[in-house]
């Protein structure tokens, strides 16, 4: 069982890094959005600081959606998902592994690029720290909830937009609290309450999302 789980992890990472074009696409999209916004709204530092956190978060959400469908779609199409479900391995463990791979591929590069993005948008040091904290707590939530949405729609033909619509109720509060945390940091006010709410959302997702996704995948096979 452990060998199978490790095999799923190694296989997903190998597939992700083998498809370098698809791997770089979300990151390039993020860089393009963050680069174009200062040109569109003007280079005034006050304006960039005001809109910067929201720009980064919206770009991160949209770039994540570009690769969200690949969580289970390829496995569903080639039949390997059915074999995994019949292997006897708890499906929620497979979901956790695939969600972790999605986070590593889609969001870890964003965290590594965050100093450059903060420089583009003229964020102060406290704002940058708050942004990193919100990204560390919020991006795993996107991967976990996205897995539920993709699991529900994996068998739907031409259903690429459905996961985005299903995730909208999570996007809105996450975006509100994440940007509010950075704004509080800009005002030198504690942003611990906002991070606590995002952390609570993440804990709930960790407790519920793998099992909900496992159930959705089993239903998709019937």
N, C-alpha and C. Protein backbone atom coordinates (compact mmCIF):
# COMPACT_ATOMS: atom_id res chain seq x y z
N UNK A 1 0.83 -1.20 0.00
CA UNK A 1 0.00 0.00 0.00
C UNK A 1 0.86 1.25 0.00
N UNK A 2 1.91 1.26 0.86
CA UNK A 2 2.80 2.41 0.90
C UNK A 2 3.56 2.57 -0.41
N UNK A 3 3.92 1.44 -1.02
CA UNK A 3 4.62 1.51 -2.31
C UNK A 3 3.72 2.11 -3.38
N UNK A 4 2.44 1.76 -3.34
CA UNK A 4 1.51 2.30 -4.33
C UNK A 4 1.33 3.80 -4.15
N UNK A 5 1.23 4.25 -2.90
CA UNK A 5 1.06 5.69 -2.65
C UNK A 5 2.31 6.45 -3.09
N UNK A 6 3.49 5.89 -2.78
CA UNK A 6 4.73 6.53 -3.23
C UNK A 6 4.81 6.53 -4.75
N UNK A 7 4.32 5.45 -5.37
CA UNK A 7 4.31 5.39 -6.83
C UNK A 7 3.43 6.46 -7.44
N UNK A 8 2.26 6.71 -6.82
CA UNK A 8 1.37 7.77 -7.30
C UNK A 8 2.05 9.13 -7.18
N UNK A 9 2.73 9.36 -6.05
CA UNK A 9 3.44 10.62 -5.85
C UNK A 9 4.53 10.82 -6.89
N UNK A 10 5.38 9.80 -7.09
CA UNK A 10 6.47 9.92 -8.05
C UNK A 10 5.93 10.07 -9.47
N UNK A 11 4.87 9.34 -9.78
CA UNK A 11 4.31 9.41 -11.14
C UNK A 11 3.75 10.80 -11.43
N UNK A 12 2.98 11.36 -10.48
CA UNK A 12 2.37 12.67 -10.70
C UNK A 12 3.44 13.75 -10.82
N UNK A 13 4.47 13.67 -9.99
CA UNK A 13 5.55 14.66 -10.09
C UNK A 13 6.29 14.52 -11.41
N UNK A 14 6.54 13.27 -11.83
CA UNK A 14 7.25 13.05 -13.10
C UNK A 14 6.44 13.57 -14.28
N UNK A 15 5.13 13.31 -14.27
CA UNK A 15 4.26 13.78 -15.36
C UNK A 15 4.23 15.30 -15.38
N UNK A 16 4.15 15.91 -14.20
CA UNK A 16 4.08 17.38 -14.12
C UNK A 16 5.35 18.02 -14.67
N UNK A 17 6.51 17.49 -14.30
CA UNK A 17 7.76 18.09 -14.75
C UNK A 17 8.13 17.68 -16.17
N UNK A 18 7.50 16.61 -16.66
CA UNK A 18 7.74 16.23 -18.06
C UNK A 18 7.00 17.18 -19.00
N UNK A 19 5.84 17.66 -18.58
CA UNK A 19 5.07 18.59 -19.40
C UNK A 19 5.44 20.02 -19.01
N UNK A 20 6.63 20.43 -19.42
CA UNK A 20 7.17 21.71 -18.96
C UNK A 20 6.34 22.88 -19.46
N UNK A 21 5.74 22.75 -20.65
CA UNK A 21 4.91 23.84 -21.16
C UNK A 21 3.70 24.09 -20.28
N UNK A 22 2.99 23.01 -19.91
CA UNK A 22 1.81 23.15 -19.05
C UNK A 22 2.22 23.55 -17.64
N UNK A 23 3.42 23.14 -17.21
CA UNK A 23 3.90 23.50 -15.88
C UNK A 23 4.18 25.00 -15.79
N UNK A 24 4.72 25.56 -16.87
CA UNK A 24 5.08 26.98 -16.86
C UNK A 24 3.91 27.90 -17.17
N UNK A 25 2.85 27.36 -17.76
CA UNK A 25 1.74 28.20 -18.20
C UNK A 25 1.11 29.00 -17.06
N UNK A 26 0.73 28.40 -15.91
CA UNK A 26 0.15 29.20 -14.83
C UNK A 26 1.10 30.26 -14.30
N UNK A 27 2.39 29.92 -14.22
CA UNK A 27 3.37 30.87 -13.70
C UNK A 27 3.54 32.05 -14.64
N UNK A 28 3.59 31.79 -15.93
CA UNK A 28 3.69 32.88 -16.91
C UNK A 28 2.44 33.75 -16.89
N UNK A 29 1.28 33.12 -16.75
CA UNK A 29 0.04 33.88 -16.65
C UNK A 29 0.08 34.82 -15.45
N UNK A 30 0.55 34.31 -14.32
CA UNK A 30 0.65 35.12 -13.11
C UNK A 30 1.59 36.31 -13.33
N UNK A 31 2.74 36.06 -13.92
CA UNK A 31 3.71 37.13 -14.15
C UNK A 31 3.16 38.18 -15.12
N UNK A 32 2.45 37.72 -16.15
CA UNK A 32 1.89 38.67 -17.11
C UNK A 32 0.86 39.58 -16.44
N UNK A 33 -0.03 38.99 -15.64
CA UNK A 33 -1.06 39.78 -14.97
C UNK A 33 -0.44 40.81 -14.02
N UNK A 34 0.50 40.35 -13.19
CA UNK A 34 1.11 41.25 -12.21
C UNK A 34 1.95 42.33 -12.90
N UNK A 35 2.55 42.01 -14.04
CA UNK A 35 3.36 42.99 -14.76
C UNK A 35 2.49 44.02 -15.46
N UNK A 36 1.35 43.60 -16.01
CA UNK A 36 0.51 44.52 -16.77
C UNK A 36 -0.31 45.45 -15.89
N UNK A 37 -0.65 45.04 -14.68
CA UNK A 37 -1.49 45.87 -13.83
C UNK A 37 -0.84 47.23 -13.51
N UNK A 38 0.44 47.28 -13.12
CA UNK A 38 1.05 48.60 -12.88
C UNK A 38 1.04 49.50 -14.11
N UNK A 39 1.16 48.90 -15.29
CA UNK A 39 1.11 49.70 -16.52
C UNK A 39 -0.29 50.24 -16.74
N UNK A 40 -1.31 49.42 -16.43
CA UNK A 40 -2.69 49.83 -16.69
C UNK A 40 -3.18 50.90 -15.72
N UNK A 41 -2.85 50.78 -14.44
CA UNK A 41 -3.39 51.71 -13.43
C UNK A 41 -2.43 52.84 -13.10
N UNK A 42 -1.20 52.76 -13.58
CA UNK A 42 -0.23 53.80 -13.29
C UNK A 42 0.77 53.37 -12.24
N UNK A 43 1.96 53.99 -12.24
CA UNK A 43 3.02 53.55 -11.33
C UNK A 43 3.00 54.22 -9.96
N UNK A 44 1.93 54.92 -9.61
CA UNK A 44 1.89 55.61 -8.32
C UNK A 44 2.01 54.59 -7.18
N UNK A 45 2.97 54.76 -6.27
CA UNK A 45 3.17 53.77 -5.20
C UNK A 45 1.93 53.53 -4.35
N UNK A 46 1.17 54.60 -4.05
CA UNK A 46 -0.02 54.43 -3.19
C UNK A 46 -1.06 53.54 -3.88
N UNK A 47 -1.24 53.73 -5.19
CA UNK A 47 -2.23 52.92 -5.91
C UNK A 47 -1.78 51.47 -5.96
N UNK A 48 -0.49 51.24 -6.23
CA UNK A 48 0.01 49.87 -6.32
C UNK A 48 -0.10 49.15 -4.99
N UNK A 49 0.21 49.86 -3.90
CA UNK A 49 0.07 49.24 -2.59
C UNK A 49 -1.38 48.90 -2.28
N UNK A 50 -2.29 49.73 -2.75
CA UNK A 50 -3.71 49.53 -2.47
C UNK A 50 -4.25 48.30 -3.19
N UNK A 51 -3.89 48.15 -4.47
CA UNK A 51 -4.47 47.06 -5.27
C UNK A 51 -3.56 45.84 -5.34
N UNK A 52 -2.31 45.98 -4.93
CA UNK A 52 -1.33 44.90 -5.11
C UNK A 52 -1.74 43.55 -4.53
N UNK A 53 -2.13 43.48 -3.25
CA UNK A 53 -2.51 42.17 -2.68
C UNK A 53 -3.66 41.52 -3.42
N UNK A 54 -4.68 42.32 -3.78
CA UNK A 54 -5.80 41.75 -4.53
C UNK A 54 -5.39 41.24 -5.89
N UNK A 55 -4.49 41.97 -6.55
CA UNK A 55 -4.01 41.56 -7.86
C UNK A 55 -3.29 40.21 -7.77
N UNK A 56 -2.41 40.08 -6.79
CA UNK A 56 -1.65 38.83 -6.64
C UNK A 56 -2.59 37.67 -6.33
N UNK A 57 -3.57 37.90 -5.45
CA UNK A 57 -4.47 36.82 -5.09
C UNK A 57 -5.38 36.41 -6.24
N UNK A 58 -5.92 37.39 -6.95
CA UNK A 58 -6.77 37.06 -8.10
C UNK A 58 -5.96 36.32 -9.17
N UNK A 59 -4.75 36.79 -9.43
CA UNK A 59 -3.89 36.12 -10.42
C UNK A 59 -3.54 34.71 -9.97
N UNK A 60 -3.31 34.52 -8.66
CA UNK A 60 -2.99 33.18 -8.15
C UNK A 60 -4.17 32.23 -8.32
N UNK A 61 -5.38 32.73 -8.03
CA UNK A 61 -6.57 31.89 -8.17
C UNK A 61 -6.79 31.50 -9.63
N UNK A 62 -6.69 32.48 -10.52
CA UNK A 62 -6.93 32.20 -11.94
C UNK A 62 -5.86 31.29 -12.52
N UNK A 63 -4.61 31.49 -12.11
CA UNK A 63 -3.54 30.63 -12.62
C UNK A 63 -3.69 29.21 -12.11
N UNK A 64 -4.19 29.06 -10.87
CA UNK A 64 -4.41 27.71 -10.33
C UNK A 64 -5.49 26.98 -11.10
N UNK A 65 -6.50 27.72 -11.55
CA UNK A 65 -7.59 27.10 -12.31
C UNK A 65 -7.11 26.53 -13.64
N UNK A 66 -6.03 27.08 -14.17
CA UNK A 66 -5.51 26.59 -15.45
C UNK A 66 -5.06 25.13 -15.34
N UNK A 67 -4.52 24.76 -14.19
CA UNK A 67 -4.04 23.39 -14.02
C UNK A 67 -4.90 22.51 -13.15
N UNK A 68 -6.05 23.04 -12.69
CA UNK A 68 -6.89 22.29 -11.76
C UNK A 68 -7.49 21.04 -12.40
N UNK A 69 -7.88 21.15 -13.67
CA UNK A 69 -8.56 20.03 -14.32
C UNK A 69 -7.66 18.80 -14.43
N UNK A 70 -6.34 19.02 -14.46
CA UNK A 70 -5.41 17.90 -14.62
C UNK A 70 -5.28 17.05 -13.37
N UNK A 71 -5.92 17.46 -12.26
CA UNK A 71 -5.82 16.69 -11.03
C UNK A 71 -6.22 15.22 -11.24
N UNK A 72 -7.37 14.99 -11.88
CA UNK A 72 -7.86 13.63 -12.08
C UNK A 72 -8.24 13.32 -13.52
N UNK A 73 -8.28 14.33 -14.37
CA UNK A 73 -8.83 14.13 -15.72
C UNK A 73 -8.02 13.12 -16.52
N UNK A 74 -6.71 13.25 -16.54
CA UNK A 74 -5.88 12.33 -17.31
C UNK A 74 -5.99 10.91 -16.78
N UNK A 75 -6.00 10.77 -15.45
CA UNK A 75 -6.15 9.44 -14.86
C UNK A 75 -7.51 8.83 -15.21
N UNK A 76 -8.54 9.68 -15.26
CA UNK A 76 -9.87 9.19 -15.62
C UNK A 76 -9.91 8.73 -17.07
N UNK A 77 -9.27 9.48 -17.95
CA UNK A 77 -9.32 9.16 -19.38
C UNK A 77 -8.52 7.92 -19.73
N UNK A 78 -7.38 7.70 -19.08
CA UNK A 78 -6.57 6.52 -19.42
C UNK A 78 -6.90 5.29 -18.58
N UNK A 79 -7.87 5.40 -17.67
CA UNK A 79 -8.31 4.25 -16.89
C UNK A 79 -7.54 3.99 -15.62
N UNK A 80 -6.47 4.76 -15.37
CA UNK A 80 -5.67 4.52 -14.17
C UNK A 80 -6.42 4.93 -12.90
N UNK A 81 -7.33 5.87 -13.01
CA UNK A 81 -8.11 6.26 -11.83
C UNK A 81 -8.99 5.11 -11.36
N UNK A 82 -9.59 4.39 -12.29
CA UNK A 82 -10.42 3.24 -11.91
C UNK A 82 -9.57 2.17 -11.24
N UNK A 83 -8.35 1.95 -11.74
CA UNK A 83 -7.46 0.96 -11.14
C UNK A 83 -7.05 1.37 -9.73
N UNK A 84 -6.83 2.66 -9.53
CA UNK A 84 -6.48 3.14 -8.19
C UNK A 84 -7.64 2.93 -7.22
N UNK A 85 -8.85 3.16 -7.69
CA UNK A 85 -10.02 2.99 -6.83
C UNK A 85 -10.25 1.52 -6.47
N UNK A 86 -9.82 0.63 -7.37
CA UNK A 86 -10.00 -0.81 -7.12
C UNK A 86 -8.79 -1.44 -6.43
N UNK A 87 -7.75 -0.67 -6.16
CA UNK A 87 -6.50 -1.23 -5.62
C UNK A 87 -6.58 -1.58 -4.15
N UNK A 88 -7.59 -1.09 -3.44
CA UNK A 88 -7.69 -1.34 -2.00
C UNK A 88 -7.05 -0.26 -1.15
N UNK A 89 -6.33 0.68 -1.77
CA UNK A 89 -5.74 1.79 -1.03
C UNK A 89 -6.84 2.78 -0.69
N UNK A 90 -6.88 3.30 0.54
CA UNK A 90 -7.89 4.31 0.88
C UNK A 90 -7.82 5.48 -0.10
N UNK A 91 -8.95 5.78 -0.71
CA UNK A 91 -8.97 6.79 -1.78
C UNK A 91 -8.61 8.16 -1.25
N UNK A 92 -8.96 8.44 0.01
CA UNK A 92 -8.66 9.77 0.55
C UNK A 92 -7.15 10.00 0.61
N UNK A 93 -6.36 8.93 0.80
CA UNK A 93 -4.90 9.10 0.80
C UNK A 93 -4.39 9.49 -0.59
N UNK A 94 -4.96 8.89 -1.61
CA UNK A 94 -4.60 9.25 -2.98
C UNK A 94 -4.97 10.69 -3.27
N UNK A 95 -6.13 11.12 -2.77
CA UNK A 95 -6.57 12.50 -2.96
C UNK A 95 -5.59 13.47 -2.29
N UNK A 96 -5.16 13.14 -1.08
CA UNK A 96 -4.20 14.00 -0.37
C UNK A 96 -2.90 14.12 -1.16
N UNK A 97 -2.41 13.00 -1.69
CA UNK A 97 -1.17 13.01 -2.47
C UNK A 97 -1.33 13.88 -3.71
N UNK A 98 -2.41 13.71 -4.44
CA UNK A 98 -2.62 14.47 -5.67
C UNK A 98 -2.82 15.96 -5.37
N UNK A 99 -3.50 16.27 -4.29
CA UNK A 99 -3.67 17.68 -3.91
C UNK A 99 -2.34 18.30 -3.52
N UNK A 100 -1.49 17.53 -2.83
CA UNK A 100 -0.17 18.03 -2.46
C UNK A 100 0.69 18.29 -3.69
N UNK A 101 0.60 17.39 -4.67
CA UNK A 101 1.36 17.59 -5.91
C UNK A 101 0.87 18.84 -6.63
N UNK A 102 -0.45 19.02 -6.67
CA UNK A 102 -1.00 20.23 -7.31
C UNK A 102 -0.49 21.49 -6.62
N UNK A 103 -0.43 21.48 -5.28
CA UNK A 103 0.06 22.64 -4.56
C UNK A 103 1.54 22.89 -4.87
N UNK A 104 2.33 21.81 -4.88
CA UNK A 104 3.76 21.96 -5.16
C UNK A 104 4.00 22.53 -6.55
N UNK A 105 3.22 22.08 -7.51
CA UNK A 105 3.44 22.48 -8.90
C UNK A 105 2.86 23.86 -9.18
N UNK A 106 1.70 24.17 -8.60
CA UNK A 106 1.00 25.40 -8.94
C UNK A 106 1.31 26.58 -8.02
N UNK A 107 1.51 26.31 -6.73
CA UNK A 107 1.60 27.41 -5.77
C UNK A 107 2.98 27.60 -5.16
N UNK A 108 3.79 26.56 -5.07
CA UNK A 108 5.13 26.76 -4.53
C UNK A 108 5.96 27.73 -5.37
N UNK A 109 5.91 27.65 -6.72
CA UNK A 109 6.62 28.67 -7.51
C UNK A 109 6.12 30.08 -7.23
N UNK A 110 4.81 30.22 -6.96
CA UNK A 110 4.28 31.53 -6.62
C UNK A 110 4.91 32.07 -5.34
N UNK A 111 5.06 31.22 -4.33
CA UNK A 111 5.68 31.66 -3.08
C UNK A 111 7.14 32.03 -3.30
N UNK A 112 7.82 31.30 -4.17
CA UNK A 112 9.23 31.61 -4.45
C UNK A 112 9.36 32.93 -5.22
N UNK A 113 8.35 33.24 -6.02
CA UNK A 113 8.38 34.49 -6.79
C UNK A 113 7.78 35.68 -6.03
N UNK A 114 7.22 35.44 -4.88
CA UNK A 114 6.52 36.51 -4.16
C UNK A 114 7.40 37.73 -3.85
N UNK A 115 8.70 37.58 -3.55
CA UNK A 115 9.50 38.81 -3.36
C UNK A 115 9.54 39.70 -4.60
N UNK A 116 9.65 39.08 -5.77
CA UNK A 116 9.66 39.85 -7.01
C UNK A 116 8.31 40.51 -7.25
N UNK A 117 7.23 39.78 -6.99
CA UNK A 117 5.89 40.35 -7.17
C UNK A 117 5.65 41.51 -6.21
N UNK A 118 6.13 41.36 -4.98
CA UNK A 118 5.99 42.45 -4.01
C UNK A 118 6.78 43.68 -4.44
N UNK A 119 7.92 43.47 -5.08
CA UNK A 119 8.71 44.59 -5.58
C UNK A 119 7.99 45.29 -6.72
N UNK A 120 7.39 44.52 -7.62
CA UNK A 120 6.63 45.11 -8.73
C UNK A 120 5.52 46.02 -8.23
N UNK A 121 4.85 45.58 -7.15
CA UNK A 121 3.66 46.28 -6.67
C UNK A 121 3.94 47.18 -5.47
N UNK A 122 5.22 47.40 -5.17
CA UNK A 122 5.64 48.37 -4.15
C UNK A 122 5.06 48.05 -2.76
N UNK A 123 5.04 46.77 -2.42
CA UNK A 123 4.53 46.38 -1.10
C UNK A 123 5.60 46.60 -0.05
N UNK A 124 5.20 47.09 1.10
CA UNK A 124 6.13 47.27 2.21
C UNK A 124 6.46 45.91 2.84
N UNK A 125 7.47 45.92 3.72
CA UNK A 125 7.88 44.66 4.36
C UNK A 125 6.75 44.04 5.21
N UNK A 126 6.03 44.80 6.04
CA UNK A 126 4.91 44.18 6.77
C UNK A 126 3.83 43.64 5.84
N UNK A 127 3.56 44.35 4.75
CA UNK A 127 2.55 43.87 3.79
C UNK A 127 3.02 42.58 3.13
N UNK A 128 4.31 42.51 2.83
CA UNK A 128 4.85 41.30 2.21
C UNK A 128 4.74 40.10 3.15
N UNK A 129 5.05 40.31 4.41
CA UNK A 129 4.94 39.21 5.38
C UNK A 129 3.50 38.73 5.51
N UNK A 130 2.56 39.68 5.55
CA UNK A 130 1.15 39.30 5.64
C UNK A 130 0.70 38.57 4.37
N UNK A 131 1.20 39.02 3.22
CA UNK A 131 0.85 38.35 1.97
C UNK A 131 1.37 36.91 1.95
N UNK A 132 2.62 36.71 2.37
CA UNK A 132 3.18 35.36 2.40
C UNK A 132 2.42 34.46 3.36
N UNK A 133 2.06 35.00 4.52
CA UNK A 133 1.31 34.20 5.49
C UNK A 133 -0.05 33.81 4.94
N UNK A 134 -0.73 34.74 4.27
CA UNK A 134 -2.04 34.41 3.70
C UNK A 134 -1.91 33.40 2.56
N UNK A 135 -0.85 33.52 1.77
CA UNK A 135 -0.65 32.55 0.68
C UNK A 135 -0.33 31.16 1.23
N UNK A 136 0.47 31.09 2.28
CA UNK A 136 0.82 29.80 2.87
C UNK A 136 -0.41 29.09 3.42
N UNK A 137 -1.34 29.84 3.98
CA UNK A 137 -2.54 29.23 4.54
C UNK A 137 -3.64 29.05 3.50
N UNK A 138 -3.73 29.97 2.55
CA UNK A 138 -4.85 29.96 1.62
C UNK A 138 -4.69 29.08 0.40
N UNK A 139 -3.47 28.98 -0.11
CA UNK A 139 -3.29 28.19 -1.34
C UNK A 139 -3.52 26.69 -1.14
N UNK A 140 -3.12 26.08 -0.01
CA UNK A 140 -3.51 24.66 0.17
C UNK A 140 -5.02 24.48 0.21
N UNK A 141 -5.73 25.47 0.72
CA UNK A 141 -7.20 25.41 0.73
C UNK A 141 -7.75 25.35 -0.69
N UNK A 142 -7.15 26.12 -1.60
CA UNK A 142 -7.59 26.10 -2.99
C UNK A 142 -7.38 24.72 -3.62
N UNK A 143 -6.24 24.10 -3.32
CA UNK A 143 -5.97 22.77 -3.88
C UNK A 143 -6.94 21.73 -3.35
N UNK A 144 -7.24 21.79 -2.05
CA UNK A 144 -8.13 20.80 -1.44
C UNK A 144 -9.57 20.96 -1.93
N UNK A 145 -10.06 22.19 -1.94
CA UNK A 145 -11.43 22.42 -2.40
C UNK A 145 -11.53 22.20 -3.90
N UNK A 146 -10.47 22.56 -4.62
CA UNK A 146 -10.46 22.31 -6.06
C UNK A 146 -10.54 20.83 -6.38
N UNK A 147 -9.95 19.99 -5.53
CA UNK A 147 -10.02 18.55 -5.75
C UNK A 147 -11.47 18.06 -5.68
N UNK A 148 -12.27 18.62 -4.76
CA UNK A 148 -13.68 18.23 -4.68
C UNK A 148 -14.40 18.61 -5.97
N UNK A 149 -14.18 19.83 -6.43
CA UNK A 149 -14.87 20.31 -7.63
C UNK A 149 -14.49 19.48 -8.85
N UNK A 150 -13.20 19.17 -8.98
CA UNK A 150 -12.74 18.37 -10.12
C UNK A 150 -13.27 16.94 -10.02
N UNK A 151 -13.30 16.39 -8.79
CA UNK A 151 -13.84 15.04 -8.61
C UNK A 151 -15.30 14.94 -8.99
N UNK A 152 -16.07 15.99 -8.72
CA UNK A 152 -17.49 15.98 -9.07
C UNK A 152 -17.72 16.07 -10.56
N UNK A 153 -16.80 16.69 -11.29
CA UNK A 153 -17.00 16.95 -12.71
C UNK A 153 -16.05 16.18 -13.61
N UNK A 154 -15.31 15.22 -13.05
CA UNK A 154 -14.28 14.54 -13.85
C UNK A 154 -14.87 13.75 -15.01
N UNK A 155 -16.09 13.26 -14.84
CA UNK A 155 -16.71 12.49 -15.91
C UNK A 155 -17.56 13.31 -16.86
N UNK A 156 -17.58 14.62 -16.67
CA UNK A 156 -18.42 15.49 -17.50
C UNK A 156 -17.62 15.95 -18.71
N UNK A 157 -18.17 15.71 -19.90
CA UNK A 157 -17.51 16.18 -21.11
C UNK A 157 -17.66 17.70 -21.24
N UNK A 158 -16.56 18.36 -21.59
CA UNK A 158 -16.53 19.82 -21.79
C UNK A 158 -17.04 20.54 -20.55
N UNK A 159 -16.58 20.06 -19.39
CA UNK A 159 -17.01 20.69 -18.14
C UNK A 159 -15.89 21.45 -17.47
N UNK A 160 -15.03 22.10 -18.26
CA UNK A 160 -13.85 22.76 -17.70
C UNK A 160 -14.22 23.94 -16.80
N UNK A 161 -15.35 24.60 -17.09
CA UNK A 161 -15.75 25.76 -16.30
C UNK A 161 -16.50 25.41 -15.03
N UNK A 162 -17.00 24.18 -14.94
CA UNK A 162 -17.80 23.80 -13.77
C UNK A 162 -17.01 23.85 -12.46
N UNK A 163 -15.75 23.36 -12.41
CA UNK A 163 -15.01 23.47 -11.15
C UNK A 163 -14.86 24.91 -10.68
N UNK A 164 -14.66 25.84 -11.61
CA UNK A 164 -14.53 27.25 -11.23
C UNK A 164 -15.81 27.76 -10.58
N UNK A 165 -16.94 27.39 -11.13
CA UNK A 165 -18.22 27.83 -10.56
C UNK A 165 -18.47 27.19 -9.20
N UNK A 166 -18.09 25.93 -9.05
CA UNK A 166 -18.29 25.25 -7.78
C UNK A 166 -17.39 25.81 -6.68
N UNK A 167 -16.22 26.32 -7.07
CA UNK A 167 -15.27 26.84 -6.09
C UNK A 167 -15.53 28.30 -5.74
N UNK A 168 -16.43 28.95 -6.44
CA UNK A 168 -16.68 30.37 -6.22
C UNK A 168 -17.06 30.70 -4.77
N UNK A 169 -17.89 29.90 -4.08
CA UNK A 169 -18.20 30.22 -2.68
C UNK A 169 -16.99 30.20 -1.76
N UNK A 170 -15.92 29.51 -2.15
CA UNK A 170 -14.69 29.51 -1.35
C UNK A 170 -13.78 30.66 -1.77
N UNK A 171 -13.74 30.96 -3.06
CA UNK A 171 -12.90 32.04 -3.55
C UNK A 171 -13.20 33.36 -2.86
N UNK A 172 -14.48 33.70 -2.77
CA UNK A 172 -14.87 35.04 -2.31
C UNK A 172 -14.45 35.30 -0.86
N UNK A 173 -14.82 34.45 0.12
CA UNK A 173 -14.37 34.74 1.49
C UNK A 173 -12.85 34.66 1.65
N UNK A 174 -12.21 33.73 0.95
CA UNK A 174 -10.75 33.63 1.04
C UNK A 174 -10.10 34.91 0.52
N UNK A 175 -10.58 35.42 -0.59
CA UNK A 175 -10.04 36.65 -1.16
C UNK A 175 -10.27 37.83 -0.22
N UNK A 176 -11.43 37.88 0.39
CA UNK A 176 -11.75 38.99 1.31
C UNK A 176 -10.81 38.99 2.51
N UNK A 177 -10.66 37.84 3.16
CA UNK A 177 -9.84 37.79 4.37
C UNK A 177 -8.35 37.91 4.06
N UNK A 178 -7.91 37.37 2.92
CA UNK A 178 -6.49 37.46 2.57
C UNK A 178 -6.08 38.90 2.29
N UNK A 179 -6.87 39.60 1.50
CA UNK A 179 -6.55 41.00 1.19
C UNK A 179 -6.73 41.89 2.43
N UNK A 180 -7.70 41.55 3.27
CA UNK A 180 -7.89 42.32 4.51
C UNK A 180 -6.68 42.19 5.43
N UNK A 181 -6.06 41.01 5.45
CA UNK A 181 -4.87 40.82 6.28
C UNK A 181 -3.74 41.73 5.82
N UNK A 182 -3.55 41.84 4.51
CA UNK A 182 -2.47 42.69 3.99
C UNK A 182 -2.79 44.16 4.24
N UNK A 183 -4.05 44.55 4.11
CA UNK A 183 -4.43 45.93 4.39
C UNK A 183 -4.21 46.27 5.87
N UNK A 184 -4.48 45.33 6.75
CA UNK A 184 -4.24 45.56 8.17
C UNK A 184 -2.75 45.74 8.43
N UNK A 185 -1.92 44.95 7.73
CA UNK A 185 -0.48 45.10 7.88
C UNK A 185 -0.01 46.46 7.40
N UNK A 186 -0.64 46.97 6.34
CA UNK A 186 -0.28 48.29 5.83
C UNK A 186 -0.61 49.38 6.85
N UNK A 187 -1.65 49.16 7.65
CA UNK A 187 -2.04 50.13 8.67
C UNK A 187 -1.38 49.85 10.02
N UNK A 188 -0.47 48.85 10.04
CA UNK A 188 0.24 48.46 11.26
C UNK A 188 -0.73 48.00 12.35
N UNK A 189 -1.76 47.29 11.89
CA UNK A 189 -2.75 46.69 12.79
C UNK A 189 -2.57 45.17 12.73
N UNK A 190 -2.86 44.49 13.82
CA UNK A 190 -2.71 43.04 13.84
C UNK A 190 -3.64 42.38 12.82
N UNK A 191 -3.06 41.48 12.03
CA UNK A 191 -3.85 40.73 11.05
C UNK A 191 -4.03 39.27 11.46
N UNK A 192 -3.79 39.00 12.74
CA UNK A 192 -3.96 37.63 13.25
C UNK A 192 -5.39 37.12 13.12
N UNK A 193 -6.42 37.95 13.34
CA UNK A 193 -7.80 37.42 13.19
C UNK A 193 -8.09 36.91 11.78
N UNK A 194 -7.63 37.65 10.77
CA UNK A 194 -7.88 37.21 9.39
C UNK A 194 -7.15 35.89 9.10
N UNK A 195 -5.90 35.79 9.55
CA UNK A 195 -5.16 34.56 9.33
C UNK A 195 -5.78 33.40 10.10
N UNK A 196 -6.33 33.69 11.28
CA UNK A 196 -6.98 32.63 12.06
C UNK A 196 -8.20 32.08 11.33
N UNK A 197 -8.96 32.97 10.68
CA UNK A 197 -10.13 32.52 9.92
C UNK A 197 -9.70 31.68 8.72
N UNK A 198 -8.67 32.13 8.01
CA UNK A 198 -8.17 31.36 6.86
C UNK A 198 -7.64 30.01 7.34
N UNK A 199 -6.93 30.02 8.48
CA UNK A 199 -6.43 28.76 9.03
C UNK A 199 -7.54 27.81 9.42
N UNK A 200 -8.64 28.36 9.97
CA UNK A 200 -9.78 27.52 10.33
C UNK A 200 -10.42 26.92 9.08
N UNK A 201 -10.51 27.72 8.02
CA UNK A 201 -11.04 27.20 6.75
C UNK A 201 -10.15 26.07 6.23
N UNK A 202 -8.82 26.24 6.36
CA UNK A 202 -7.90 25.21 5.91
C UNK A 202 -8.05 23.93 6.72
N UNK A 203 -8.19 24.06 8.04
CA UNK A 203 -8.36 22.88 8.88
C UNK A 203 -9.64 22.12 8.54
N UNK A 204 -10.71 22.86 8.29
CA UNK A 204 -11.97 22.23 7.89
C UNK A 204 -11.81 21.50 6.56
N UNK A 205 -11.09 22.13 5.63
CA UNK A 205 -10.86 21.50 4.34
C UNK A 205 -10.01 20.24 4.47
N UNK A 206 -8.99 20.28 5.33
CA UNK A 206 -8.16 19.09 5.55
C UNK A 206 -8.97 17.94 6.14
N UNK A 207 -9.94 18.28 6.99
CA UNK A 207 -10.74 17.24 7.63
C UNK A 207 -11.81 16.67 6.71
N UNK A 208 -12.33 17.48 5.79
CA UNK A 208 -13.49 17.08 5.01
C UNK A 208 -13.16 16.79 3.55
N UNK A 209 -12.31 17.63 2.94
CA UNK A 209 -12.12 17.59 1.49
C UNK A 209 -11.62 16.23 0.96
N UNK A 210 -10.62 15.58 1.58
CA UNK A 210 -10.17 14.29 1.02
C UNK A 210 -11.28 13.24 0.96
N UNK A 211 -12.12 13.18 1.98
CA UNK A 211 -13.20 12.20 2.00
C UNK A 211 -14.31 12.58 1.02
N UNK A 212 -14.62 13.87 0.93
CA UNK A 212 -15.63 14.32 -0.03
C UNK A 212 -15.17 14.06 -1.46
N UNK A 213 -13.89 14.31 -1.72
CA UNK A 213 -13.36 14.05 -3.07
C UNK A 213 -13.35 12.56 -3.38
N UNK A 214 -12.99 11.74 -2.40
CA UNK A 214 -13.00 10.30 -2.60
C UNK A 214 -14.39 9.81 -2.96
N UNK A 215 -15.39 10.31 -2.27
CA UNK A 215 -16.77 9.93 -2.58
C UNK A 215 -17.16 10.40 -3.99
N UNK A 216 -16.78 11.62 -4.33
CA UNK A 216 -17.10 12.15 -5.66
C UNK A 216 -16.46 11.32 -6.76
N UNK A 217 -15.23 10.87 -6.55
CA UNK A 217 -14.54 10.05 -7.55
C UNK A 217 -15.21 8.69 -7.70
N UNK A 218 -15.65 8.11 -6.60
CA UNK A 218 -16.33 6.82 -6.68
C UNK A 218 -17.65 6.96 -7.44
N UNK A 219 -18.36 8.05 -7.19
CA UNK A 219 -19.62 8.28 -7.89
C UNK A 219 -19.36 8.48 -9.39
N UNK A 220 -18.27 9.15 -9.73
CA UNK A 220 -17.97 9.42 -11.15
C UNK A 220 -17.70 8.16 -11.94
N UNK A 221 -17.37 7.07 -11.27
CA UNK A 221 -17.09 5.82 -11.98
C UNK A 221 -18.34 5.02 -12.28
N UNK A 222 -19.48 5.47 -11.81
CA UNK A 222 -20.74 4.72 -12.01
C UNK A 222 -21.64 5.45 -12.99
